[in-house]
C-alpha atoms as a PDB file:
ATOM      1  CA  MET A   1      13.442  -8.725 -20.090  1.00  0.00           C
ATOM      2  CA  THR A   2       9.809  -7.845 -20.768  1.00  0.00           C
ATOM      3  CA  ASN A   3       6.877  -9.803 -19.359  1.00  0.00           C
ATOM      4  CA  ASP A   4       6.152 -11.240 -22.831  1.00  0.00           C
ATOM      5  CA  GLN A   5       9.735 -12.461 -23.148  1.00  0.00           C
ATOM      6  CA  LYS A   6       9.481 -14.073 -19.734  1.00  0.00           C
ATOM      7  CA  TYR A   7       6.168 -15.658 -20.686  1.00  0.00           C
ATOM      8  CA  SER A   8       7.727 -17.183 -23.792  1.00  0.00           C
ATOM      9  CA  SER A   9      10.208 -19.134 -21.668  1.00  0.00           C
ATOM     10  CA  VAL A  10       7.649 -20.359 -19.124  1.00  0.00           C
ATOM     11  CA  ILE A  11       6.815 -23.626 -20.885  1.00  0.00           C
ATOM     12  CA  ASP A  12      10.464 -24.642 -21.262  1.00  0.00           C
ATOM     13  CA  ARG A  13      11.107 -23.919 -17.593  1.00  0.00           C
ATOM     14  CA  LEU A  14       8.023 -25.808 -16.460  1.00  0.00           C
ATOM     15  CA  ARG A  15       8.742 -28.933 -18.507  1.00  0.00           C
ATOM     16  CA  ASP A  16      11.651 -29.829 -16.205  1.00  0.00           C
ATOM     17  CA  ASP A  17      10.486 -29.212 -12.664  1.00  0.00           C
ATOM     18  CA  TYR A  18      13.624 -30.745 -11.198  1.00  0.00           C
ATOM     19  CA  ASN A  19      15.919 -27.965 -12.359  1.00  0.00           C
ATOM     20  CA  VAL A  20      14.530 -25.495  -9.829  1.00  0.00           C
ATOM     21  CA  GLU A  21      16.538 -23.010  -7.847  1.00  0.00           C
ATOM     22  CA  ALA A  22      16.952 -23.657  -4.141  1.00  0.00           C
ATOM     23  CA  ARG A  23      14.746 -21.587  -1.856  1.00  0.00           C
ATOM     24  CA  SER A  24      16.631 -19.423   0.655  1.00  0.00           C
ATOM     25  CA  PRO A  25      16.891 -21.316   3.964  1.00  0.00           C
ATOM     26  CA  LEU A  26      14.596 -20.247   6.779  1.00  0.00           C
ATOM     27  CA  ASP A  27      16.390 -18.151   9.398  1.00  0.00           C
ATOM     28  CA  ARG A  28      14.880 -19.372  12.668  1.00  0.00           C
ATOM     29  CA  LYS A  29      16.720 -16.731  14.677  1.00  0.00           C
ATOM     30  CA  VAL A  30      15.031 -13.929  12.743  1.00  0.00           C
ATOM     31  CA  VAL A  31      11.602 -15.536  13.144  1.00  0.00           C
ATOM     32  CA  ASP A  32      12.151 -16.143  16.863  1.00  0.00           C
ATOM     33  CA  GLN A  33      13.235 -12.524  17.297  1.00  0.00           C
ATOM     34  CA  LEU A  34      10.126 -11.260  15.508  1.00  0.00           C
ATOM     35  CA  ILE A  35       7.914 -13.458  17.688  1.00  0.00           C
ATOM     36  CA  ASP A  36       9.628 -12.173  20.845  1.00  0.00           C
ATOM     37  CA  GLU A  37       9.069  -8.586  19.673  1.00  0.00           C
ATOM     38  CA  LEU A  38       5.390  -9.290  19.000  1.00  0.00           C
ATOM     39  CA  ILE A  39       4.968 -10.796  22.472  1.00  0.00           C
ATOM     40  CA  SER A  40       6.640  -7.711  23.940  1.00  0.00           C
ATOM     41  CA  LEU A  41       4.273  -5.411  22.026  1.00  0.00           C
ATOM     42  CA  SER A  42       1.272  -7.455  23.163  1.00  0.00           C
ATOM     43  CA  ASN A  43       2.372  -7.255  26.798  1.00  0.00           C
ATOM     44  CA  LYS A  44       3.145  -3.541  26.577  1.00  0.00           C
ATOM     45  CA  THR A  45      -0.319  -2.684  25.222  1.00  0.00           C
ATOM     46  CA  ASP A  46      -2.357  -4.967  27.516  1.00  0.00           C
ATOM     47  CA  PRO A  47      -5.370  -2.998  28.874  1.00  0.00           C
ATOM     48  CA  ASP A  48      -4.948  -4.806  32.205  1.00  0.00           C
ATOM     49  CA  LEU A  49      -1.877  -2.624  32.825  1.00  0.00           C
ATOM     50  CA  GLY A  50      -4.072   0.465  33.018  1.00  0.00           C
ATOM     51  CA  PRO A  51      -3.498   3.924  31.479  1.00  0.00           C
ATOM     52  CA  ILE A  52       0.237   3.369  30.997  1.00  0.00           C
ATOM     53  CA  SER A  53      -0.457   0.698  28.359  1.00  0.00           C
ATOM     54  CA  VAL A  54      -2.308   3.058  26.020  1.00  0.00           C
ATOM     55  CA  ALA A  55       0.707   5.259  25.248  1.00  0.00           C
ATOM     56  CA  GLU A  56       1.490   5.217  21.490  1.00  0.00           C
ATOM     57  CA  LYS A  57      -0.880   2.287  20.975  1.00  0.00           C
ATOM     58  CA  ASP A  58      -1.757   3.384  17.418  1.00  0.00           C
ATOM     59  CA  ARG A  59       1.895   3.286  16.382  1.00  0.00           C
ATOM     60  CA  LEU A  60       2.544   0.033  18.227  1.00  0.00           C
ATOM     61  CA  ALA A  61      -0.471  -1.609  16.553  1.00  0.00           C
ATOM     62  CA  ASP A  62       0.935  -0.640  13.140  1.00  0.00           C
ATOM     63  CA  GLU A  63       4.349  -1.925  14.192  1.00  0.00           C
ATOM     64  CA  ALA A  64       2.838  -5.249  15.252  1.00  0.00           C
ATOM     65  CA  LEU A  65       1.086  -5.697  11.915  1.00  0.00           C
ATOM     66  CA  HIS A  66       4.301  -4.922  10.023  1.00  0.00           C
ATOM     67  CA  LYS A  67       6.088  -7.578  12.077  1.00  0.00           C
ATOM     68  CA  ILE A  68       3.297 -10.036  11.268  1.00  0.00           C
ATOM     69  CA  GLY A  69       3.947  -9.216   7.624  1.00  0.00           C
ATOM     70  CA  ASP A  70       7.649  -9.964   8.107  1.00  0.00           C
ATOM     71  CA  ILE A  71       6.830 -13.278   9.791  1.00  0.00           C
ATOM     72  CA  LEU A  72       4.382 -14.123   7.009  1.00  0.00           C
ATOM     73  CA  ASP A  73       7.084 -13.475   4.427  1.00  0.00           C
ATOM     74  CA  HIS A  74       9.612 -15.634   6.292  1.00  0.00           C
ATOM     75  CA  LEU A  75       7.269 -18.548   6.958  1.00  0.00           C
ATOM     76  CA  ALA A  76       4.776 -18.420   4.100  1.00  0.00           C
ATOM     77  CA  GLY A  77       6.295 -16.120   1.499  1.00  0.00           C
ATOM     78  CA  TRP A  78       6.747 -19.214  -0.635  1.00  0.00           C
ATOM     79  CA  ALA A  79       2.956 -19.729  -0.569  1.00  0.00           C
ATOM     80  CA  ILE A  80       2.277 -16.140  -1.633  1.00  0.00           C
ATOM     81  CA  ARG A  81       4.801 -16.440  -4.465  1.00  0.00           C
ATOM     82  CA  HIS A  82       3.246 -19.787  -5.466  1.00  0.00           C
ATOM     83  CA  HIS A  83      -0.208 -18.222  -5.761  1.00  0.00           C
ATOM     84  CA  ALA A  84       1.284 -15.265  -7.629  1.00  0.00           C
ATOM     85  CA  GLY A  85       2.809 -17.717 -10.106  1.00  0.00           C
ATOM     86  CA  GLN A  86      -0.548 -19.460 -10.383  1.00  0.00           C
ATOM     87  CA  ALA A  87      -2.235 -16.135 -11.231  1.00  0.00           C
ATOM     88  CA  ILE A  88       0.450 -15.389 -13.826  1.00  0.00           C
ATOM     89  CA  LEU A  89      -0.039 -18.780 -15.483  1.00  0.00           C
ATOM     90  CA  GLU A  90      -3.813 -18.304 -15.540  1.00  0.00           C
ATOM     91  CA  GLN A  91      -3.219 -14.939 -17.186  1.00  0.00           C
ATOM     92  CA  LEU A  92      -0.850 -16.560 -19.694  1.00  0.00           C
ATOM     93  CA  SER A  93      -3.235 -19.427 -20.381  1.00  0.00           C
ATOM     94  CA  GLU A  94      -6.102 -17.063 -21.164  1.00  0.00           C
ATOM     95  CA  ASN A  95      -3.887 -14.785 -23.283  1.00  0.00           C
ATOM     96  CA  ARG A  96      -2.285 -17.510 -25.405  1.00  0.00           C
ATOM     97  CA  ARG A  97      -5.098 -20.117 -25.432  1.00  0.00           C
ATOM     98  CA  SER A  98      -2.432 -22.819 -25.244  1.00  0.00           C
ATOM     99  CA  PRO A  99      -3.668 -26.296 -24.191  1.00  0.00           C
ATOM    100  CA  GLU A 100      -0.246 -27.083 -22.717  1.00  0.00           C
ATOM    101  CA  VAL A 101      -0.151 -23.917 -20.624  1.00  0.00           C
ATOM    102  CA  SER A 102      -3.715 -24.613 -19.499  1.00  0.00           C
ATOM    103  CA  LEU A 103      -2.713 -28.100 -18.399  1.00  0.00           C
ATOM    104  CA  ILE A 104       0.386 -26.868 -16.567  1.00  0.00           C
ATOM    105  CA  THR A 105      -1.662 -24.139 -14.879  1.00  0.00           C
ATOM    106  CA  ARG A 106      -3.776 -26.807 -13.191  1.00  0.00           C
ATOM    107  CA  ALA A 107      -0.825 -29.041 -12.260  1.00  0.00           C
ATOM    108  CA  ASP A 108       1.330 -28.764  -9.132  1.00  0.00           C
ATOM    109  CA  SER A 109       4.704 -27.227  -9.925  1.00  0.00           C
ATOM    110  CA  HIS A 110       7.600 -25.672  -8.034  1.00  0.00           C
ATOM    111  CA  MET A 111       8.035 -23.312 -10.936  1.00  0.00           C
ATOM    112  CA  LYS A 112       4.891 -21.431  -9.942  1.00  0.00           C
ATOM    113  CA  GLU A 113       6.709 -20.230  -6.824  1.00  0.00           C
ATOM    114  CA  LEU A 114       9.760 -19.212  -8.830  1.00  0.00           C
ATOM    115  CA  LEU A 115       7.640 -17.544 -11.490  1.00  0.00           C
ATOM    116  CA  GLY A 116       5.953 -15.524  -8.748  1.00  0.00           C
ATOM    117  CA  ASN A 117       9.351 -13.965  -8.075  1.00  0.00           C
ATOM    118  CA  ASP A 118      10.069 -13.072 -11.680  1.00  0.00           C
ATOM    119  CA  VAL A 119       6.988 -11.780 -13.469  1.00  0.00           C
ATOM    120  CA  ASN A 120       4.453  -9.103 -12.591  1.00  0.00           C
ATOM    121  CA  ILE A 121       0.733  -9.872 -12.496  1.00  0.00           C
ATOM    122  CA  VAL A 122      -0.441  -7.388 -15.113  1.00  0.00           C
ATOM    123  CA  ARG A 123      -4.137  -7.955 -15.748  1.00  0.00           C
ATOM    124  CA  PRO A 124      -6.560  -6.534 -13.142  1.00  0.00           C
ATOM    125  CA  ASP A 125      -8.707  -9.693 -13.114  1.00  0.00           C
ATOM    126  CA  ALA A 126      -5.632 -11.815 -12.345  1.00  0.00           C
ATOM    127  CA  GLN A 127      -4.597  -9.356  -9.639  1.00  0.00           C
ATOM    128  CA  ARG A 128      -8.047  -9.656  -8.054  1.00  0.00           C
ATOM    129  CA  ARG A 129      -7.978 -13.466  -8.092  1.00  0.00           C
ATOM    130  CA  PHE A 130      -4.534 -13.455  -6.502  1.00  0.00           C
ATOM    131  CA  ALA A 131      -5.568 -10.954  -3.819  1.00  0.00           C
ATOM    132  CA  ALA A 132      -8.698 -12.980  -3.020  1.00  0.00           C
ATOM    133  CA  ARG A 133      -6.660 -16.157  -2.485  1.00  0.00           C
ATOM    134  CA  ILE A 134      -4.311 -14.371  -0.080  1.00  0.00           C
ATOM    135  CA  LEU A 135      -6.859 -12.272   1.808  1.00  0.00           C
ATOM    136  CA  ARG A 136      -9.391 -15.025   2.549  1.00  0.00           C
ATOM    137  CA  PRO A 137      -7.224 -17.134   4.918  1.00  0.00           C
ATOM    138  CA  VAL A 138      -5.272 -14.180   6.351  1.00  0.00           C
ATOM    139  CA  PHE A 139      -8.332 -12.190   7.433  1.00  0.00           C
ATOM    140  CA  SER A 140     -10.313 -15.238   8.510  1.00  0.00           C
ATOM    141  CA  ALA A 141      -7.636 -16.142  11.076  1.00  0.00           C
ATOM    142  CA  SER A 142      -8.853 -13.351  13.366  1.00  0.00           C
ATOM    143  CA  PRO A 143     -12.457 -13.017  14.632  1.00  0.00           C
ATOM    144  CA  ALA A 144     -12.235  -9.261  13.965  1.00  0.00           C
ATOM    145  CA  GLY A 145     -11.454  -9.935  10.314  1.00  0.00           C
ATOM    146  CA  GLN A 146     -13.711 -12.891   9.553  1.00  0.00           C
ATOM    147  CA  LEU A 147     -16.437 -10.779   7.954  1.00  0.00           C
ATOM    148  CA  ILE A 148     -13.869  -9.055   5.732  1.00  0.00           C
ATOM    149  CA  GLY A 149     -12.247 -12.432   5.053  1.00  0.00           C
ATOM    150  CA  ALA A 150     -15.591 -13.707   3.809  1.00  0.00           C
ATOM    151  CA  ASN A 151     -16.848 -10.637   1.937  1.00  0.00           C
ATOM    152  CA  LEU A 152     -13.836  -8.912   0.380  1.00  0.00           C
ATOM    153  CA  PRO A 153     -12.308 -11.892  -1.501  1.00  0.00           C
ATOM    154  CA  MET A 154     -15.715 -12.844  -2.905  1.00  0.00           C
ATOM    155  CA  ALA A 155     -16.327  -9.235  -3.927  1.00  0.00           C
ATOM    156  CA  LEU A 156     -12.964  -9.070  -5.718  1.00  0.00           C
ATOM    157  CA  GLU A 157     -13.713 -12.257  -7.618  1.00  0.00           C
ATOM    158  CA  ALA A 158     -17.248 -11.077  -8.440  1.00  0.00           C
ATOM    159  CA  LEU A 159     -15.796  -7.977 -10.142  1.00  0.00           C
ATOM    160  CA  ASN A 160     -14.298 -10.289 -12.775  1.00  0.00           C
ATOM    161  CA  TYR A 161     -17.847 -11.297 -13.711  1.00  0.00           C
ATOM    162  CA  GLY A 162     -19.318  -7.817 -13.775  1.00  0.00           C
ATOM    163  CA  GLU A 163     -20.908  -7.885 -10.296  1.00  0.00           C
ATOM    164  CA  THR A 164     -20.145  -5.077  -7.852  1.00  0.00           C
ATOM    165  CA  GLN A 165     -20.805  -6.066  -4.249  1.00  0.00           C
ATOM    166  CA  PRO A 166     -21.290  -3.441  -1.502  1.00  0.00           C
ATOM    167  CA  VAL A 167     -17.779  -3.699  -0.022  1.00  0.00           C
ATOM    168  CA  VAL A 168     -16.215  -2.531  -3.309  1.00  0.00           C
ATOM    169  CA  ARG A 169     -19.060  -0.371  -4.576  1.00  0.00           C
ATOM    170  CA  LEU A 170     -18.274   3.232  -5.499  1.00  0.00           C
ATOM    171  CA  GLN A 171     -19.799   5.496  -2.878  1.00  0.00           C
ATOM    172  CA  SER A 172     -20.143   8.636  -4.965  1.00  0.00           C
ATOM    173  CA  LYS A 173     -18.678  10.422  -7.955  1.00  0.00           C
ATOM    174  CA  SER A 174     -16.767  13.520  -6.994  1.00  0.00           C
ATOM    175  CA  GLU A 175     -17.926  16.716  -8.639  1.00  0.00           C
ATOM    176  CA  GLY A 176     -15.238  18.657 -10.402  1.00  0.00           C
ATOM    177  CA  VAL A 177     -12.760  15.760 -10.375  1.00  0.00           C
ATOM    178  CA  ARG A 178     -12.499  13.588 -13.445  1.00  0.00           C
ATOM    179  CA  GLY A 179     -10.889  10.221 -13.993  1.00  0.00           C
ATOM    180  CA  ALA A 180      -9.728   8.218 -10.960  1.00  0.00           C
ATOM    181  CA  ALA A 181     -10.998  10.718  -8.398  1.00  0.00           C
ATOM    182  CA  TYR A 182      -9.769   9.018  -5.224  1.00  0.00           C
ATOM    183  CA  THR A 183      -6.267   8.225  -6.484  1.00  0.00           C
ATOM    184  CA  LEU A 184      -5.691  11.767  -7.711  1.00  0.00           C
ATOM    185  CA  ALA A 185      -7.282  13.322  -4.622  1.00  0.00           C
ATOM    186  CA  VAL A 186      -4.875  11.448  -2.322  1.00  0.00           C
ATOM    187  CA  ALA A 187      -1.957  12.638  -4.463  1.00  0.00           C
ATOM    188  CA  LYS A 188      -3.254  16.222  -4.292  1.00  0.00           C
ATOM    189  CA  LEU A 189      -3.663  15.965  -0.531  1.00  0.00           C
ATOM    190  CA  LYS A 190      -0.001  14.976  -0.211  1.00  0.00           C
ATOM    191  CA  ALA A 191       0.943  18.174  -2.036  1.00  0.00           C
ATOM    192  CA  ILE A 192      -1.130  20.338   0.311  1.00  0.00           C
ATOM    193  CA  CYS A 193       0.344  18.476   3.292  1.00  0.00           C
ATOM    194  CA  HIS A 194       3.777  19.661   2.168  1.00  0.00           C
ATOM    195  CA  VAL A 195       2.427  23.221   2.288  1.00  0.00           C
ATOM    196  CA  HIS A 196       0.971  22.862   5.784  1.00  0.00           C
ATOM    197  CA  TYR A 197       4.061  21.126   7.159  1.00  0.00           C
ATOM    198  CA  ARG A 198       6.126  24.143   6.115  1.00  0.00           C
ATOM    199  CA  ILE A 199       3.556  26.481   7.635  1.00  0.00           C
ATOM    200  CA  GLY A 200       4.091  24.561  10.859  1.00  0.00           C
ATOM    201  CA  LEU A 201       7.812  25.162  10.505  1.00  0.00           C
ATOM    202  CA  GLY A 202       7.093  28.896  10.502  1.00  0.00           C
ATOM    203  CA  GLN A 203       6.919  29.752   6.808  1.00  0.00           C
ATOM    204  CA  THR A 204       4.122  31.923   5.476  1.00  0.00           C
ATOM    205  CA  LYS A 205       1.471  30.124   3.432  1.00  0.00           C
ATOM    206  CA  GLY A 206       2.547  32.052   0.347  1.00  0.00           C
ATOM    207  CA  ALA A 207       6.184  31.026   0.746  1.00  0.00           C
ATOM    208  CA  ALA A 208       5.241  27.411   1.429  1.00  0.00           C
ATOM    209  CA  MET A 209       2.950  27.316  -1.604  1.00  0.00           C
ATOM    210  CA  GLY A 210       5.682  28.885  -3.708  1.00  0.00           C
ATOM    211  CA  LEU A 211       8.129  26.118  -2.828  1.00  0.00           C
ATOM    212  CA  VAL A 212       5.603  23.352  -3.469  1.00  0.00           C
ATOM    213  CA  SER A 213       4.304  24.933  -6.694  1.00  0.00           C
ATOM    214  CA  GLU A 214       7.861  25.082  -8.000  1.00  0.00           C
ATOM    215  CA  SER A 215       8.258  21.330  -7.441  1.00  0.00           C
ATOM    216  CA  TYR A 216       4.901  20.451  -8.992  1.00  0.00           C
ATOM    217  CA  GLY A 217       5.060  22.987 -11.810  1.00  0.00           C
ATOM    218  CA  PHE A 218       1.658  24.537 -11.049  1.00  0.00           C
ATOM    219  CA  ALA A 219       0.565  28.036 -10.121  1.00  0.00           C
ATOM    220  CA  LYS A 220      -0.153  28.760  -6.441  1.00  0.00           C
ATOM    221  CA  SER A 221      -3.810  29.248  -7.299  1.00  0.00           C
ATOM    222  CA  THR A 222      -4.002  25.586  -8.309  1.00  0.00           C
ATOM    223  CA  PHE A 223      -3.124  24.432  -4.806  1.00  0.00           C
ATOM    224  CA  ASP A 224      -5.555  26.925  -3.317  1.00  0.00           C
ATOM    225  CA  THR A 225      -8.327  25.439  -5.501  1.00  0.00           C
ATOM    226  CA  TRP A 226      -7.356  21.905  -4.482  1.00  0.00           C
ATOM    227  CA  GLU A 227      -7.499  22.799  -0.795  1.00  0.00           C
ATOM    228  CA  ARG A 228     -10.667  24.905  -0.821  1.00  0.00           C
ATOM    229  CA  ARG A 229     -12.780  23.029  -3.392  1.00  0.00           C
ATOM    230  CA  ASP A 230     -11.488  19.775  -4.897  1.00  0.00           C
ATOM    231  CA  LEU A 231     -10.242  17.945  -1.813  1.00  0.00           C
ATOM    232  CA  PRO A 232     -13.254  18.633   0.445  1.00  0.00           C
ATOM    233  CA  ARG A 233     -15.518  17.400  -2.361  1.00  0.00           C
ATOM    234  CA  SER A 234     -13.439  14.285  -2.999  1.00  0.00           C
ATOM    235  CA  LEU A 235     -12.405  13.220   0.496  1.00  0.00           C
ATOM    236  CA  GLY A 236     -14.659  15.184   2.836  1.00  0.00           C
ATOM    237  CA  SER A 237     -13.898  18.422   4.676  1.00  0.00           C
ATOM    238  CA  GLU A 238     -13.386  16.736   8.041  1.00  0.00           C
ATOM    239  CA  HIS A 239     -10.838  14.233   6.760  1.00  0.00           C
ATOM    240  CA  VAL A 240      -8.916  16.857   4.797  1.00  0.00           C
ATOM    241  CA  SER A 241      -8.803  19.192   7.818  1.00  0.00           C
ATOM    242  CA  GLU A 242      -7.597  16.400  10.085  1.00  0.00           C
ATOM    243  CA  VAL A 243      -4.790  15.353   7.735  1.00  0.00           C
ATOM    244  CA  LEU A 244      -3.599  18.926   7.104  1.00  0.00           C
ATOM    245  CA  THR A 245      -3.673  19.756  10.828  1.00  0.00           C
ATOM    246  CA  SER A 246      -1.583  16.656  11.515  1.00  0.00           C
ATOM    247  CA  ALA A 247       0.996  17.700   8.903  1.00  0.00           C
ATOM    248  CA  GLN A 248       1.165  21.198  10.372  1.00  0.00           C
ATOM    249  CA  ASP A 249       1.569  19.782  13.890  1.00  0.00           C
ATOM    250  CA  VAL A 250       4.565  17.736  12.720  1.00  0.00           C
ATOM    251  CA  GLY A 251       6.105  20.946  11.386  1.00  0.00           C
ATOM    252  CA  LYS A 252       5.461  22.755  14.676  1.00  0.00           C
ATOM    253  CA  LEU A 253       7.058  19.948  16.687  1.00  0.00           C
ATOM    254  CA  ASN A 254      10.053  19.965  14.383  1.00  0.00           C
ATOM    255  CA  ALA A 255      10.427  23.722  14.725  1.00  0.00           C
ATOM    256  CA  SER A 256      10.321  23.563  18.512  1.00  0.00           C
ATOM    257  CA  SER A 257      12.956  21.983  20.726  1.00  0.00           C
ATOM    258  CA  GLN A 258      12.718  18.198  20.514  1.00  0.00           C
ATOM    259  CA  SER A 259      13.799  18.068  24.155  1.00  0.00           C
ATOM    260  CA  THR A 260      10.144  18.710  25.017  1.00  0.00           C
ATOM    261  CA  LEU A 261       9.331  15.195  23.812  1.00  0.00           C
ATOM    262  CA  LYS A 262       9.284  12.803  26.746  1.00  0.00           C
ATOM    263  CA  SER A 263      10.339   9.522  25.147  1.00  0.00           C
ATOM    264  CA  GLU A 264      12.869   8.326  22.612  1.00  0.00           C
ATOM    265  CA  GLN A 265      10.011   6.606  20.816  1.00  0.00           C
ATOM    266  CA  SER A 266       8.280   9.957  20.343  1.00  0.00           C
ATOM    267  CA  LYS A 267      11.467  11.493  18.970  1.00  0.00           C
ATOM    268  CA  THR A 268      11.932   8.569  16.596  1.00  0.00           C
ATOM    269  CA  GLN A 269       8.336   8.811  15.415  1.00  0.00           C
ATOM    270  CA  LEU A 270       8.736  12.544  14.798  1.00  0.00           C
ATOM    271  CA  GLN A 271      11.760  11.842  12.624  1.00  0.00           C
ATOM    272  CA  ILE A 272       9.733   9.278  10.675  1.00  0.00           C
ATOM    273  CA  ASP A 273       6.805  11.688  10.280  1.00  0.00           C
ATOM    274  CA  SER A 274       9.090  14.546   9.250  1.00  0.00           C
ATOM    275  CA  SER A 275      10.765  12.433   6.570  1.00  0.00           C
ATOM    276  CA  ARG A 276       7.424  12.389   4.712  1.00  0.00           C
ATOM    277  CA  PHE A 277       7.826  16.132   4.083  1.00  0.00           C
ATOM    278  CA  SER A 278      11.524  16.379   3.225  1.00  0.00           C
ATOM    279  CA  GLU A 279      12.727  18.165   0.089  1.00  0.00           C
ATOM    280  CA  GLU A 280      13.543  14.787  -1.435  1.00  0.00           C
ATOM    281  CA  GLN A 281      10.070  13.453  -0.663  1.00  0.00           C
ATOM    282  CA  LEU A 282       8.475  16.625  -2.056  1.00  0.00           C
ATOM    283  CA  SER A 283      10.260  16.069  -5.356  1.00  0.00           C
ATOM    284  CA  SER A 284       9.268  12.391  -5.346  1.00  0.00           C
ATOM    285  CA  ASP A 285       5.604  13.160  -4.597  1.00  0.00           C
ATOM    286  CA  ALA A 286       5.510  15.717  -7.424  1.00  0.00           C
ATOM    287  CA  LYS A 287       6.860  13.151  -9.905  1.00  0.00           C
ATOM    288  CA  THR A 288       4.379  10.581  -8.630  1.00  0.00           C
ATOM    289  CA  TYR A 289       1.484  13.010  -9.096  1.00  0.00           C
ATOM    290  CA  HIS A 290       2.371  13.653 -12.740  1.00  0.00           C
ATOM    291  CA  MET A 291       2.819   9.917 -13.335  1.00  0.00           C
ATOM    292  CA  LEU A 292      -0.628   9.276 -11.820  1.00  0.00           C
ATOM    293  CA  THR A 293      -2.305  11.886 -14.022  1.00  0.00           C
ATOM    294  CA  ARG A 294      -1.007  10.027 -17.069  1.00  0.00           C
ATOM    295  CA  LEU A 295      -1.892   6.617 -15.638  1.00  0.00           C
ATOM    296  CA  THR A 296      -5.401   7.521 -14.523  1.00  0.00           C
ATOM    297  CA  ALA A 297      -6.077   9.108 -17.902  1.00  0.00           C
ATOM    298  CA  ASP A 298      -5.438   5.636 -19.373  1.00  0.00           C
ATOM    299  CA  TRP A 299      -7.819   4.089 -16.811  1.00  0.00           C
ATOM    300  CA  SER A 300     -10.553   6.446 -17.925  1.00  0.00           C
ATOM    301  CA  ASN A 301     -10.168   5.639 -21.617  1.00  0.00           C
END
């Protein structure tokens, strides 16, 4: 069913707010487990423990934030879906200019939560409003995020009125890269990472480029141009070098005996890192790149 078809049934569904589907029951055991794991991560990374507590802190910080996301979904996913439904109805109200939809958009309704499960928020202005509603309270809960919680949501909403505030202002236009420069540059960097990972495995650069060029359908010289010219201009030489060195290091670790790794966590992380450069992922990244070139061409028109 298309979004338009779903929109056409919204009014009928909203007229009877009692015929709503039951929300999945909260699993307290899962939430309690996630909280216990977060407490464990907090204890493990406490600076008071000394040097031992800094091991793998970057990865553990990411893990903690993902667990917070899981807890947020369990405890307040209904609220996120409700606001998503609200954004969808606002989008529908503006598209159809229907007085009834406009009235329902402002009224409390369980169907907003259910609609948030069913229909995508298509329009960029509606996406920005939705993101602002979610980001403001989430970031403001932490002192470290209060400035972002204040500035970013307002900046997103201001974009809908033609104002570009500093936090979302374009820093520079990349020379030699047209269209959505950042989006395409990140996709190109992924391709070159596949090359450098395979160099780390022990392949020659020519062989690695040959394999990647076959997946992407470009000549080897294209990737050489991306690495030497386009990416440093778009993302900065230092950042590009750091990312490519990291990809090559993962390849080197994979090529060497994993018994040299001291902890099971390190071995697990290496497996996760290596999966980003698998043959399957290479094929997927190539398809994504070609999809993005078509999509960003539409953005530029």
